[in-house]
Amino acid sequence: MAWMLRLLFAVLIIRLIWKFVAGMVAGAREGRPRGTKTGGVLVRDPVCGTYIEPSRAFSTHEGGTTHYFCSRECQQSFGKTT
């Protein structure tokens, strides 16, 4: 009876190791995603440091440069400091 428990335990350990290795191989094959789901570029909010998509951001054009913000509050805060 003890040998059956040892066998069962060994099978469970082997199965866990197999799943772990299979997951690592699958993750290595997929690679890291680049950018966003749509493949766009992210910009950084100069006030709070949040990364956002330019299409969803609030923006301010100043001195030939466009600044992107995650919220109106950050946009207003940036206006007060410059």
Protein backbone atom coordinates (compact mmCIF):
# COMPACT_ATOMS: atom_id res chain seq x y z
CA MET A 1 0.00 0.00 0.00
CA ALA A 2 2.85 2.41 0.78
CA TRP A 3 4.35 1.86 -2.68
CA MET A 4 1.08 3.01 -4.27
CA LEU A 5 1.19 6.26 -2.33
CA ARG A 6 4.81 6.80 -3.36
CA LEU A 7 3.92 6.12 -6.99
CA LEU A 8 0.98 8.51 -6.85
CA PHE A 9 3.15 11.18 -5.25
CA ALA A 10 5.86 10.69 -7.89
CA VAL A 11 3.30 10.97 -10.72
CA LEU A 12 1.91 14.19 -9.24
CA ILE A 13 5.39 15.71 -8.92
CA ILE A 14 6.28 14.73 -12.49
CA ARG A 15 3.03 16.24 -13.77
CA LEU A 16 3.66 19.53 -11.94
CA ILE A 17 7.17 19.74 -13.34
CA TRP A 18 5.86 18.96 -16.83
CA LYS A 19 3.23 21.74 -16.64
CA PHE A 20 5.82 24.21 -15.38
CA VAL A 21 8.27 23.44 -18.20
CA ALA A 22 5.49 23.46 -20.83
CA GLY A 23 4.37 26.89 -19.59
CA MET A 24 7.89 28.27 -19.81
CA VAL A 25 8.30 26.96 -23.36
CA ALA A 26 4.94 28.40 -24.44
CA GLY A 27 5.83 31.78 -22.90
CA ALA A 28 9.20 31.83 -24.66
CA ARG A 29 7.55 31.11 -28.00
CA GLU A 30 5.02 33.94 -27.67
CA GLY A 31 7.56 36.64 -26.90
CA ARG A 32 6.81 39.99 -25.33
CA PRO A 33 4.00 42.16 -26.62
CA ARG A 34 5.17 45.47 -28.08
CA GLY A 35 3.17 48.65 -27.57
CA THR A 36 -0.57 48.43 -27.07
CA LYS A 37 -3.17 45.99 -28.38
CA THR A 38 -3.55 48.08 -31.51
CA GLY A 39 0.21 48.36 -31.95
CA GLY A 40 0.28 52.05 -31.07
CA VAL A 41 2.88 54.03 -29.20
CA LEU A 42 2.50 55.22 -25.62
CA VAL A 43 3.43 58.71 -24.44
CA ARG A 44 4.32 59.81 -20.93
CA ASP A 45 2.37 62.40 -18.95
CA PRO A 46 4.97 65.02 -17.85
CA VAL A 47 3.11 65.72 -14.58
CA CYS A 48 2.37 62.30 -13.04
CA GLY A 49 4.41 59.98 -15.29
CA THR A 50 1.49 57.84 -16.48
CA TYR A 51 1.84 56.23 -19.92
CA ILE A 52 -1.16 56.73 -22.22
CA GLU A 53 -2.15 56.41 -25.86
CA PRO A 54 -2.04 59.78 -27.65
CA SER A 55 -5.50 59.18 -29.11
CA ARG A 56 -6.99 58.97 -25.58
CA ALA A 57 -4.91 61.75 -24.02
CA PHE A 58 -5.54 65.42 -23.36
CA SER A 59 -2.95 67.50 -25.18
CA THR A 60 -1.41 70.95 -25.11
CA HIS A 61 0.67 72.46 -27.92
CA GLU A 62 3.38 74.76 -26.62
CA GLY A 63 6.46 76.10 -28.38
CA GLY A 64 6.21 73.61 -31.24
CA THR A 65 5.97 70.67 -28.83
CA THR A 66 2.89 68.62 -28.01
CA HIS A 67 2.48 67.52 -24.40
CA TYR A 68 0.06 64.68 -23.58
CA PHE A 69 -1.79 64.28 -20.26
CA CYS A 70 -3.83 61.50 -18.68
CA SER A 71 -6.42 63.89 -17.19
CA ARG A 72 -7.62 67.48 -17.21
CA GLU A 73 -6.15 67.91 -13.73
CA CYS A 74 -2.66 67.04 -14.97
CA GLN A 75 -3.12 69.32 -17.97
CA GLN A 76 -4.18 72.23 -15.74
CA SER A 77 -1.37 71.52 -13.28
CA PHE A 78 1.15 71.63 -16.13
CA GLY A 79 -0.29 74.97 -17.27
CA LYS A 80 0.24 76.44 -13.81
CA THR A 81 3.89 75.38 -13.61
CA THR A 82 4.95 76.70 -17.02
